């Protein structure tokens, strides 16, 4: 069984027990999070597709940690005009573990 959920403007394919990093949520570690924006869910040969979301479908997850991803260097350069700009960026993330995928009764 798997589901495709939407969070932070991105889509993630998740299965039960999977650990993944998503854009930062405003939660603390060991809290439970419920995602209700489920785009698609599949169980064996049964596939549910949302319009745009599946009503009644939920994915529950536990927050493991909050952190920052490795630094990405953004360097702008124009030759012959002494133009150089160096800037770094670290994206915030939340690490979650998927506990349960609930589908509506069909």
PDB file of N, CA and C in Angstrom:
ATOM      1  N   UNK A   1       0.845  -1.167   0.000  1.00  0.00           N
ATOM      2  CA  UNK A   1       0.000   0.000   0.000  1.00  0.00           C
ATOM      3  C   UNK A   1       0.893   1.234   0.000  1.00  0.00           C
ATOM      4  N   UNK A   2       0.533   2.206  -0.831  1.00  0.00           N
ATOM      5  CA  UNK A   2       1.250   3.463  -0.844  1.00  0.00           C
ATOM      6  C   UNK A   2       0.272   4.599  -1.123  1.00  0.00           C
ATOM      7  N   UNK A   3       0.732   5.820  -0.865  1.00  0.00           N
ATOM      8  CA  UNK A   3      -0.086   7.005  -1.109  1.00  0.00           C
ATOM      9  C   UNK A   3       0.825   8.125  -1.590  1.00  0.00           C
ATOM     10  N   UNK A   4       0.235   9.041  -2.337  1.00  0.00           N
ATOM     11  CA  UNK A   4       0.958  10.235  -2.751  1.00  0.00           C
ATOM     12  C   UNK A   4       0.294  11.403  -2.043  1.00  0.00           C
ATOM     13  N   UNK A   5       1.080  12.110  -1.213  1.00  0.00           N
ATOM     14  CA  UNK A   5       0.530  13.219  -0.444  1.00  0.00           C
ATOM     15  C   UNK A   5       1.195  14.522  -0.854  1.00  0.00           C
ATOM     16  N   UNK A   6       0.519  15.622  -0.548  1.00  0.00           N
ATOM     17  CA  UNK A   6       1.031  16.947  -0.871  1.00  0.00           C
ATOM     18  C   UNK A   6       1.283  17.711   0.413  1.00  0.00           C
ATOM     19  N   UNK A   7       2.487  18.271   0.524  1.00  0.00           N
ATOM     20  CA  UNK A   7       2.819  19.114   1.660  1.00  0.00           C
ATOM     21  C   UNK A   7       3.923  20.076   1.245  1.00  0.00           C
ATOM     22  N   UNK A   8       3.804  21.311   1.660  1.00  0.00           N
ATOM     23  CA  UNK A   8       4.812  22.309   1.339  1.00  0.00           C
ATOM     24  C   UNK A   8       4.962  22.573  -0.147  1.00  0.00           C
ATOM     25  N   UNK A   9       3.896  22.355  -0.920  1.00  0.00           N
ATOM     26  CA  UNK A   9       3.956  22.580  -2.359  1.00  0.00           C
ATOM     27  C   UNK A   9       4.628  21.466  -3.126  1.00  0.00           C
ATOM     28  N   UNK A  10       5.007  20.382  -2.450  1.00  0.00           N
ATOM     29  CA  UNK A  10       5.667  19.238  -3.086  1.00  0.00           C
ATOM     30  C   UNK A  10       4.826  17.987  -2.889  1.00  0.00           C
ATOM     31  N   UNK A  11       5.074  16.988  -3.712  1.00  0.00           N
ATOM     32  CA  UNK A  11       4.359  15.725  -3.613  1.00  0.00           C
ATOM     33  C   UNK A  11       5.340  14.617  -3.236  1.00  0.00           C
ATOM     34  N   UNK A  12       4.910  13.706  -2.354  1.00  0.00           N
ATOM     35  CA  UNK A  12       5.754  12.622  -1.876  1.00  0.00           C
ATOM     36  C   UNK A  12       5.007  11.301  -1.956  1.00  0.00           C
ATOM     37  N   UNK A  13       5.679  10.269  -2.438  1.00  0.00           N
ATOM     38  CA  UNK A  13       5.128   8.910  -2.435  1.00  0.00           C
ATOM     39  C   UNK A  13       5.575   8.265  -1.132  1.00  0.00           C
ATOM     40  N   UNK A  14       4.613   7.805  -0.328  1.00  0.00           N
ATOM     41  CA  UNK A  14       4.930   7.270   0.996  1.00  0.00           C
ATOM     42  C   UNK A  14       4.349   5.872   1.181  1.00  0.00           C
ATOM     43  N   UNK A  15       5.032   5.079   1.989  1.00  0.00           N
ATOM     44  CA  UNK A  15       4.554   3.770   2.403  1.00  0.00           C
ATOM     45  C   UNK A  15       4.671   3.691   3.923  1.00  0.00           C
ATOM     46  N   UNK A  16       3.992   2.741   4.521  1.00  0.00           N
ATOM     47  CA  UNK A  16       4.015   2.604   5.975  1.00  0.00           C
ATOM     48  C   UNK A  16       5.424   2.266   6.446  1.00  0.00           C
ATOM     49  N   UNK A  17       5.885   2.949   7.493  1.00  0.00           N
ATOM     50  CA  UNK A  17       7.196   2.702   8.071  1.00  0.00           C
ATOM     51  C   UNK A  17       8.327   3.486   7.415  1.00  0.00           C
ATOM     52  N   UNK A  18       8.040   4.223   6.364  1.00  0.00           N
ATOM     53  CA  UNK A  18       9.073   4.968   5.641  1.00  0.00           C
ATOM     54  C   UNK A  18       9.455   6.236   6.407  1.00  0.00           C
ATOM     55  N   UNK A  19      10.744   6.597   6.357  1.00  0.00           N
ATOM     56  CA  UNK A  19      11.247   7.821   6.966  1.00  0.00           C
ATOM     57  C   UNK A  19      11.670   8.752   5.832  1.00  0.00           C
ATOM     58  N   UNK A  20      11.171  10.004   5.869  1.00  0.00           N
ATOM     59  CA  UNK A  20      11.536  10.941   4.813  1.00  0.00           C
ATOM     60  C   UNK A  20      11.629  12.354   5.348  1.00  0.00           C
ATOM     61  N   UNK A  21      12.301  13.213   4.561  1.00  0.00           N
ATOM     62  CA  UNK A  21      12.472  14.622   4.914  1.00  0.00           C
ATOM     63  C   UNK A  21      11.555  15.459   4.035  1.00  0.00           C
ATOM     64  N   UNK A  22      10.745  16.286   4.688  1.00  0.00           N
ATOM     65  CA  UNK A  22       9.809  17.142   3.969  1.00  0.00           C
ATOM     66  C   UNK A  22      10.096  18.594   4.361  1.00  0.00           C
ATOM     67  N   UNK A  23       9.563  19.580   3.615  1.00  0.00           N
ATOM     68  CA  UNK A  23       9.752  20.979   4.029  1.00  0.00           C
ATOM     69  C   UNK A  23       9.244  21.190   5.454  1.00  0.00           C
ATOM     70  N   UNK A  24       9.891  22.104   6.160  1.00  0.00           N
ATOM     71  CA  UNK A  24       9.660  22.282   7.593  1.00  0.00           C
ATOM     72  C   UNK A  24       8.197  22.541   7.943  1.00  0.00           C
ATOM     73  N   UNK A  25       7.731  21.789   8.929  1.00  0.00           N
ATOM     74  CA  UNK A  25       6.427  22.001   9.546  1.00  0.00           C
ATOM     75  C   UNK A  25       6.685  22.697  10.880  1.00  0.00           C
ATOM     76  N   UNK A  26       5.704  23.363  11.421  1.00  0.00           N
ATOM     77  CA  UNK A  26       5.895  24.045  12.701  1.00  0.00           C
ATOM     78  C   UNK A  26       5.623  23.131  13.877  1.00  0.00           C
ATOM     79  N   UNK A  27       6.263  21.955  13.920  1.00  0.00           N
ATOM     80  CA  UNK A  27       5.990  20.978  14.971  1.00  0.00           C
ATOM     81  C   UNK A  27       7.261  20.604  15.717  1.00  0.00           C
ATOM     82  N   UNK A  28       7.076  20.014  16.869  1.00  0.00           N
ATOM     83  CA  UNK A  28       8.185  19.550  17.703  1.00  0.00           C
ATOM     84  C   UNK A  28       8.369  18.040  17.514  1.00  0.00           C
ATOM     85  N   UNK A  29       9.571  17.527  17.802  1.00  0.00           N
ATOM     86  CA  UNK A  29       9.780  16.076  17.719  1.00  0.00           C
ATOM     87  C   UNK A  29       8.830  15.299  18.623  1.00  0.00           C
ATOM     88  N   UNK A  30       8.472  14.103  18.189  1.00  0.00           N
ATOM     89  CA  UNK A  30       7.571  13.160  18.861  1.00  0.00           C
ATOM     90  C   UNK A  30       6.097  13.582  18.792  1.00  0.00           C
ATOM     91  N   UNK A  31       5.786  14.642  18.054  1.00  0.00           N
ATOM     92  CA  UNK A  31       4.386  14.998  17.830  1.00  0.00           C
ATOM     93  C   UNK A  31       3.837  14.163  16.690  1.00  0.00           C
ATOM     94  N   UNK A  32       2.529  14.014  16.655  1.00  0.00           N
ATOM     95  CA  UNK A  32       1.871  13.295  15.567  1.00  0.00           C
ATOM     96  C   UNK A  32       1.297  14.305  14.583  1.00  0.00           C
ATOM     97  N   UNK A  33       1.487  14.030  13.284  1.00  0.00           N
ATOM     98  CA  UNK A  33       1.022  14.913  12.222  1.00  0.00           C
ATOM     99  C   UNK A  33       0.067  14.126  11.332  1.00  0.00           C
ATOM    100  N   UNK A  34      -1.028  14.760  10.914  1.00  0.00           N
ATOM    101  CA  UNK A  34      -1.997  14.119  10.026  1.00  0.00           C
ATOM    102  C   UNK A  34      -2.023  14.895   8.712  1.00  0.00           C
ATOM    103  N   UNK A  35      -1.787  14.181   7.611  1.00  0.00           N
ATOM    104  CA  UNK A  35      -1.849  14.770   6.277  1.00  0.00           C
ATOM    105  C   UNK A  35      -3.174  14.359   5.647  1.00  0.00           C
ATOM    106  N   UNK A  36      -3.955  15.340   5.189  1.00  0.00           N
ATOM    107  CA  UNK A  36      -5.251  15.043   4.592  1.00  0.00           C
ATOM    108  C   UNK A  36      -5.293  15.341   3.096  1.00  0.00           C
ATOM    109  N   UNK A  37      -4.233  15.942   2.562  1.00  0.00           N
ATOM    110  CA  UNK A  37      -4.166  16.228   1.128  1.00  0.00           C
ATOM    111  C   UNK A  37      -3.542  15.025   0.417  1.00  0.00           C
ATOM    112  N   UNK A  38      -4.344  13.999   0.203  1.00  0.00           N
ATOM    113  CA  UNK A  38      -3.881  12.763  -0.442  1.00  0.00           C
ATOM    114  C   UNK A  38      -4.355  12.800  -1.900  1.00  0.00           C
ATOM    115  N   UNK A  39      -3.413  12.740  -2.818  1.00  0.00           N
ATOM    116  CA  UNK A  39      -3.728  12.820  -4.246  1.00  0.00           C
ATOM    117  C   UNK A  39      -4.074  11.473  -4.849  1.00  0.00           C
ATOM    118  N   UNK A  40      -3.387  10.426  -4.402  1.00  0.00           N
ATOM    119  CA  UNK A  40      -3.574   9.086  -4.958  1.00  0.00           C
ATOM    120  C   UNK A  40      -3.246   8.073  -3.881  1.00  0.00           C
ATOM    121  N   UNK A  41      -3.962   6.966  -3.877  1.00  0.00           N
ATOM    122  CA  UNK A  41      -3.674   5.881  -2.938  1.00  0.00           C
ATOM    123  C   UNK A  41      -3.885   4.561  -3.665  1.00  0.00           C
ATOM    124  N   UNK A  42      -3.017   3.601  -3.387  1.00  0.00           N
ATOM    125  CA  UNK A  42      -3.117   2.291  -4.025  1.00  0.00           C
ATOM    126  C   UNK A  42      -2.937   1.209  -2.978  1.00  0.00           C
ATOM    127  N   UNK A  43      -3.807   0.190  -3.078  1.00  0.00           N
ATOM    128  CA  UNK A  43      -3.736  -0.959  -2.179  1.00  0.00           C
ATOM    129  C   UNK A  43      -3.972  -2.201  -3.022  1.00  0.00           C
ATOM    130  N   UNK A  44      -2.930  -3.004  -3.207  1.00  0.00           N
ATOM    131  CA  UNK A  44      -2.960  -4.188  -4.066  1.00  0.00           C
ATOM    132  C   UNK A  44      -3.418  -3.794  -5.475  1.00  0.00           C
ATOM    133  N   UNK A  45      -4.616  -4.203  -5.909  1.00  0.00           N
ATOM    134  CA  UNK A  45      -5.075  -3.862  -7.255  1.00  0.00           C
ATOM    135  C   UNK A  45      -6.109  -2.731  -7.242  1.00  0.00           C
ATOM    136  N   UNK A  46      -6.353  -2.136  -6.074  1.00  0.00           N
ATOM    137  CA  UNK A  46      -7.327  -1.055  -5.938  1.00  0.00           C
ATOM    138  C   UNK A  46      -6.598   0.291  -5.932  1.00  0.00           C
ATOM    139  N   UNK A  47      -6.956   1.186  -6.857  1.00  0.00           N
ATOM    140  CA  UNK A  47      -6.326   2.501  -6.945  1.00  0.00           C
ATOM    141  C   UNK A  47      -7.395   3.574  -6.815  1.00  0.00           C
ATOM    142  N   UNK A  48      -7.163   4.525  -5.895  1.00  0.00           N
ATOM    143  CA  UNK A  48      -8.064   5.662  -5.719  1.00  0.00           C
ATOM    144  C   UNK A  48      -7.354   6.922  -6.192  1.00  0.00           C
ATOM    145  N   UNK A  49      -8.017   7.696  -7.042  1.00  0.00           N
ATOM    146  CA  UNK A  49      -7.450   8.936  -7.556  1.00  0.00           C
ATOM    147  C   UNK A  49      -8.344  10.078  -7.113  1.00  0.00           C
ATOM    148  N   UNK A  50      -7.737  11.125  -6.545  1.00  0.00           N
ATOM    149  CA  UNK A  50      -8.496  12.257  -6.046  1.00  0.00           C
ATOM    150  C   UNK A  50      -8.797  13.289  -7.106  1.00  0.00           C
ATOM    151  N   UNK A  51      -9.797  14.135  -6.809  1.00  0.00           N
ATOM    152  CA  UNK A  51     -10.192  15.205  -7.731  1.00  0.00           C
ATOM    153  C   UNK A  51     -10.311  16.520  -6.977  1.00  0.00           C
ATOM    154  N   UNK A  52      -9.314  17.207  -6.542  1.00  0.00           N
ATOM    155  CA  UNK A  52      -7.904  16.874  -6.605  1.00  0.00           C
ATOM    156  C   UNK A  52      -7.437  15.984  -5.453  1.00  0.00           C
ATOM    157  N   UNK A  53      -8.219  15.920  -4.344  1.00  0.00           N
ATOM    158  CA  UNK A  53      -7.817  15.102  -3.202  1.00  0.00           C
ATOM    159  C   UNK A  53      -8.856  14.019  -2.945  1.00  0.00           C
ATOM    160  N   UNK A  54      -8.431  12.950  -2.270  1.00  0.00           N
ATOM    161  CA  UNK A  54      -9.335  11.863  -1.899  1.00  0.00           C
ATOM    162  C   UNK A  54     -10.018  12.241  -0.587  1.00  0.00           C
ATOM    163  N   UNK A  55     -11.335  12.311  -0.594  1.00  0.00           N
ATOM    164  CA  UNK A  55     -12.079  12.672   0.612  1.00  0.00           C
ATOM    165  C   UNK A  55     -12.048  11.502   1.593  1.00  0.00           C
ATOM    166  N   UNK A  56     -11.695  11.811   2.842  1.00  0.00           N
ATOM    167  CA  UNK A  56     -11.685  10.794   3.881  1.00  0.00           C
ATOM    168  C   UNK A  56     -10.375  10.035   4.016  1.00  0.00           C
ATOM    169  N   UNK A  57      -9.415  10.279   3.138  1.00  0.00           N
ATOM    170  CA  UNK A  57      -8.118   9.597   3.232  1.00  0.00           C
ATOM    171  C   UNK A  57      -7.195  10.397   4.139  1.00  0.00           C
ATOM    172  N   UNK A  58      -6.407   9.694   4.949  1.00  0.00           N
ATOM    173  CA  UNK A  58      -5.476  10.338   5.877  1.00  0.00           C
ATOM    174  C   UNK A  58      -4.187   9.551   5.958  1.00  0.00           C
ATOM    175  N   UNK A  59      -3.100  10.263   6.156  1.00  0.00           N
ATOM    176  CA  UNK A  59      -1.802   9.646   6.437  1.00  0.00           C
ATOM    177  C   UNK A  59      -1.325  10.246   7.745  1.00  0.00           C
ATOM    178  N   UNK A  60      -1.044   9.400   8.734  1.00  0.00           N
ATOM    179  CA  UNK A  60      -0.527   9.874  10.015  1.00  0.00           C
ATOM    180  C   UNK A  60       0.956   9.563  10.091  1.00  0.00           C
ATOM    181  N   UNK A  61       1.692  10.508  10.674  1.00  0.00           N
ATOM    182  CA  UNK A  61       3.138  10.362  10.777  1.00  0.00           C
ATOM    183  C   UNK A  61       3.616  10.929  12.108  1.00  0.00           C
ATOM    184  N   UNK A  62       4.787  10.480  12.517  1.00  0.00           N
ATOM    185  CA  UNK A  62       5.407  10.968  13.741  1.00  0.00           C
ATOM    186  C   UNK A  62       6.620  11.808  13.353  1.00  0.00           C
ATOM    187  N   UNK A  63       6.755  12.977  13.974  1.00  0.00           N
ATOM    188  CA  UNK A  63       7.902  13.848  13.707  1.00  0.00           C
ATOM    189  C   UNK A  63       9.097  13.306  14.467  1.00  0.00           C
ATOM    190  N   UNK A  64      10.183  13.029  13.743  1.00  0.00           N
ATOM    191  CA  UNK A  64      11.401  12.523  14.377  1.00  0.00           C
ATOM    192  C   UNK A  64      12.356  13.658  14.735  1.00  0.00           C
ATOM    193  N   UNK A  65      12.537  14.623  13.817  1.00  0.00           N
ATOM    194  CA  UNK A  65      13.495  15.701  14.064  1.00  0.00           C
ATOM    195  C   UNK A  65      13.234  16.864  13.124  1.00  0.00           C
ATOM    196  N   UNK A  66      13.758  18.013  13.508  1.00  0.00           N
ATOM    197  CA  UNK A  66      13.798  19.187  12.644  1.00  0.00           C
ATOM    198  C   UNK A  66      15.267  19.503  12.402  1.00  0.00           C
ATOM    199  N   UNK A  67      15.587  19.997  11.219  1.00  0.00           N
ATOM    200  CA  UNK A  67      16.984  20.297  10.953  1.00  0.00           C
ATOM    201  C   UNK A  67      17.168  21.133   9.711  1.00  0.00           C
ATOM    202  N   UNK A  68      18.434  21.256   9.311  1.00  0.00           N
ATOM    203  CA  UNK A  68      18.788  21.990   8.108  1.00  0.00           C
ATOM    204  C   UNK A  68      19.584  21.081   7.197  1.00  0.00           C
ATOM    205  N   UNK A  69      19.299  21.158   5.900  1.00  0.00           N
ATOM    206  CA  UNK A  69      20.023  20.347   4.930  1.00  0.00           C
ATOM    207  C   UNK A  69      21.398  20.969   4.676  1.00  0.00           C
ATOM    208  N   UNK A  70      22.301  20.261   3.993  1.00  0.00           N
ATOM    209  CA  UNK A  70      23.634  20.798   3.725  1.00  0.00           C
ATOM    210  C   UNK A  70      23.587  22.103   2.934  1.00  0.00           C
ATOM    211  N   UNK A  71      24.616  22.914   3.115  1.00  0.00           N
ATOM    212  CA  UNK A  71      24.660  24.225   2.489  1.00  0.00           C
ATOM    213  C   UNK A  71      24.840  24.119   0.976  1.00  0.00           C
ATOM    214  N   UNK A  72      24.090  24.950   0.267  1.00  0.00           N
ATOM    215  CA  UNK A  72      24.207  25.071  -1.176  1.00  0.00           C
ATOM    216  C   UNK A  72      24.797  26.447  -1.445  1.00  0.00           C
ATOM    217  N   UNK A  73      25.891  26.504  -2.217  1.00  0.00           N
ATOM    218  CA  UNK A  73      26.543  27.773  -2.542  1.00  0.00           C
ATOM    219  C   UNK A  73      25.976  28.312  -3.844  1.00  0.00           C
ATOM    220  N   UNK A  74      25.541  29.580  -3.809  1.00  0.00           N
ATOM    221  CA  UNK A  74      25.055  30.260  -5.008  1.00  0.00           C
ATOM    222  C   UNK A  74      26.110  31.315  -5.341  1.00  0.00           C
ATOM    223  N   UNK A  75      26.789  31.159  -6.484  1.00  0.00           N
ATOM    224  CA  UNK A  75      27.862  32.065  -6.862  1.00  0.00           C
ATOM    225  C   UNK A  75      27.536  32.693  -8.204  1.00  0.00           C
ATOM    226  N   UNK A  76      27.415  34.025  -8.214  1.00  0.00           N
ATOM    227  CA  UNK A  76      27.151  34.757  -9.449  1.00  0.00           C
ATOM    228  C   UNK A  76      28.439  35.439  -9.880  1.00  0.00           C
ATOM    229  N   UNK A  77      28.704  35.429 -11.182  1.00  0.00           N
ATOM    230  CA  UNK A  77      29.958  35.959 -11.690  1.00  0.00           C
ATOM    231  C   UNK A  77      29.752  36.507 -13.098  1.00  0.00           C
ATOM    232  N   UNK A  78      30.260  37.718 -13.322  1.00  0.00           N
ATOM    233  CA  UNK A  78      30.286  38.285 -14.672  1.00  0.00           C
ATOM    234  C   UNK A  78      31.724  38.660 -14.981  1.00  0.00           C
ATOM    235  N   UNK A  79      32.218  38.168 -16.058  1.00  0.00           N
ATOM    236  CA  UNK A  79      33.619  38.395 -16.378  1.00  0.00           C
ATOM    237  C   UNK A  79      33.878  39.844 -16.792  1.00  0.00           C
ATOM    238  N   UNK A  80      35.083  40.282 -16.519  1.00  0.00           N
ATOM    239  CA  UNK A  80      35.616  41.581 -16.920  1.00  0.00           C
ATOM    240  C   UNK A  80      34.955  42.785 -16.252  1.00  0.00           C
ATOM    241  N   UNK A  81      34.074  42.621 -15.300  1.00  0.00           N
ATOM    242  CA  UNK A  81      33.454  43.790 -14.655  1.00  0.00           C
ATOM    243  C   UNK A  81      33.576  43.734 -13.123  1.00  0.00           C
ATOM    244  N   UNK A  82      34.394  42.838 -12.620  1.00  0.00           N
ATOM    245  CA  UNK A  82      34.610  42.666 -11.174  1.00  0.00           C
ATOM    246  C   UNK A  82      33.303  42.466 -10.416  1.00  0.00           C
ATOM    247  N   UNK A  83      32.411  41.659 -10.987  1.00  0.00           N
ATOM    248  CA  UNK A  83      31.125  41.356 -10.350  1.00  0.00           C
ATOM    249  C   UNK A  83      31.159  39.932  -9.835  1.00  0.00           C
ATOM    250  N   UNK A  84      31.114  39.785  -8.511  1.00  0.00           N
ATOM    251  CA  UNK A  84      31.080  38.471  -7.877  1.00  0.00           C
ATOM    252  C   UNK A  84      30.152  38.552  -6.670  1.00  0.00           C
ATOM    253  N   UNK A  85      29.261  37.592  -6.555  1.00  0.00           N
ATOM    254  CA  UNK A  85      28.376  37.516  -5.399  1.00  0.00           C
ATOM    255  C   UNK A  85      28.354  36.075  -4.924  1.00  0.00           C
ATOM    256  N   UNK A  86      28.711  35.864  -3.673  1.00  0.00           N
ATOM    257  CA  UNK A  86      28.708  34.514  -3.106  1.00  0.00           C
ATOM    258  C   UNK A  86      27.703  34.487  -1.963  1.00  0.00           C
ATOM    259  N   UNK A  87      26.807  33.542  -2.032  1.00  0.00           N
ATOM    260  CA  UNK A  87      25.764  33.443  -1.023  1.00  0.00           C
ATOM    261  C   UNK A  87      25.493  31.962  -0.742  1.00  0.00           C
ATOM    262  N   UNK A  88      25.266  31.622   0.503  1.00  0.00           N
ATOM    263  CA  UNK A  88      24.948  30.249   0.882  1.00  0.00           C
ATOM    264  C   UNK A  88      23.504  30.135   1.328  1.00  0.00           C
ATOM    265  N   UNK A  89      22.965  28.911   1.238  1.00  0.00           N
ATOM    266  CA  UNK A  89      21.577  28.687   1.648  1.00  0.00           C
ATOM    267  C   UNK A  89      21.455  27.288   2.244  1.00  0.00           C
ATOM    268  N   UNK A  90      20.746  27.193   3.367  1.00  0.00           N
ATOM    269  CA  UNK A  90      20.438  25.898   3.979  1.00  0.00           C
ATOM    270  C   UNK A  90      18.931  25.809   4.169  1.00  0.00           C
ATOM    271  N   UNK A  91      18.329  24.798   3.557  1.00  0.00           N
ATOM    272  CA  UNK A  91      16.877  24.629   3.622  1.00  0.00           C
ATOM    273  C   UNK A  91      16.487  23.908   4.912  1.00  0.00           C
ATOM    274  N   UNK A  92      15.469  24.418   5.588  1.00  0.00           N
ATOM    275  CA  UNK A  92      14.932  23.760   6.784  1.00  0.00           C
ATOM    276  C   UNK A  92      14.089  22.559   6.372  1.00  0.00           C
ATOM    277  N   UNK A  93      14.137  21.493   7.182  1.00  0.00           N
ATOM    278  CA  UNK A  93      13.320  20.311   6.897  1.00  0.00           C
ATOM    279  C   UNK A  93      12.804  19.707   8.196  1.00  0.00           C
ATOM    280  N   UNK A  94      11.799  18.859   8.044  1.00  0.00           N
ATOM    281  CA  UNK A  94      11.263  18.059   9.138  1.00  0.00           C
ATOM    282  C   UNK A  94      11.361  16.603   8.727  1.00  0.00           C
ATOM    283  N   UNK A  95      11.939  15.785   9.569  1.00  0.00           N
ATOM    284  CA  UNK A  95      12.055  14.353   9.288  1.00  0.00           C
ATOM    285  C   UNK A  95      10.880  13.638   9.947  1.00  0.00           C
ATOM    286  N   UNK A  96      10.145  12.855   9.145  1.00  0.00           N
ATOM    287  CA  UNK A  96       8.958  12.179   9.666  1.00  0.00           C
ATOM    288  C   UNK A  96       9.027  10.683   9.368  1.00  0.00           C
ATOM    289  N   UNK A  97       8.275   9.921  10.171  1.00  0.00           N
ATOM    290  CA  UNK A  97       8.117   8.483   9.942  1.00  0.00           C
ATOM    291  C   UNK A  97       6.631   8.213   9.754  1.00  0.00           C
ATOM    292  N   UNK A  98       6.276   7.561   8.646  1.00  0.00           N
ATOM    293  CA  UNK A  98       4.884   7.282   8.331  1.00  0.00           C
ATOM    294  C   UNK A  98       4.397   6.124   9.203  1.00  0.00           C
ATOM    295  N   UNK A  99       3.326   6.362   9.976  1.00  0.00           N
ATOM    296  CA  UNK A  99       2.775   5.337  10.858  1.00  0.00           C
ATOM    297  C   UNK A  99       1.602   4.591  10.243  1.00  0.00           C
ATOM    298  N   UNK A 100       0.727   5.326   9.540  1.00  0.00           N
ATOM    299  CA  UNK A 100      -0.508   4.695   9.081  1.00  0.00           C
ATOM    300  C   UNK A 100      -1.053   5.425   7.855  1.00  0.00           C
ATOM    301  N   UNK A 101      -1.630   4.646   6.942  1.00  0.00           N
ATOM    302  CA  UNK A 101      -2.328   5.174   5.782  1.00  0.00           C
ATOM    303  C   UNK A 101      -3.770   4.680   5.864  1.00  0.00           C
ATOM    304  N   UNK A 102      -4.723   5.618   6.007  1.00  0.00           N
ATOM    305  CA  UNK A 102      -6.142   5.262   6.110  1.00  0.00           C
ATOM    306  C   UNK A 102      -6.859   5.680   4.834  1.00  0.00           C
ATOM    307  N   UNK A 103      -7.619   4.751   4.268  1.00  0.00           N
ATOM    308  CA  UNK A 103      -8.400   5.039   3.080  1.00  0.00           C
ATOM    309  C   UNK A 103      -9.876   5.047   3.444  1.00  0.00           C
ATOM    310  N   UNK A 104     -10.696   5.800   2.711  1.00  0.00           N
ATOM    311  CA  UNK A 104     -12.130   5.805   3.014  1.00  0.00           C
ATOM    312  C   UNK A 104     -12.768   4.464   2.611  1.00  0.00           C
ATOM    313  N   UNK A 105     -13.875   4.165   3.258  1.00  0.00           N
ATOM    314  CA  UNK A 105     -14.615   2.939   2.914  1.00  0.00           C
ATOM    315  C   UNK A 105     -15.298   3.151   1.562  1.00  0.00           C
ATOM    316  N   UNK A 106     -15.059   2.211   0.630  1.00  0.00           N
ATOM    317  CA  UNK A 106     -15.625   2.379  -0.713  1.00  0.00           C
ATOM    318  C   UNK A 106     -16.895   1.590  -0.901  1.00  0.00           C
TER     319      UNK A 106
END
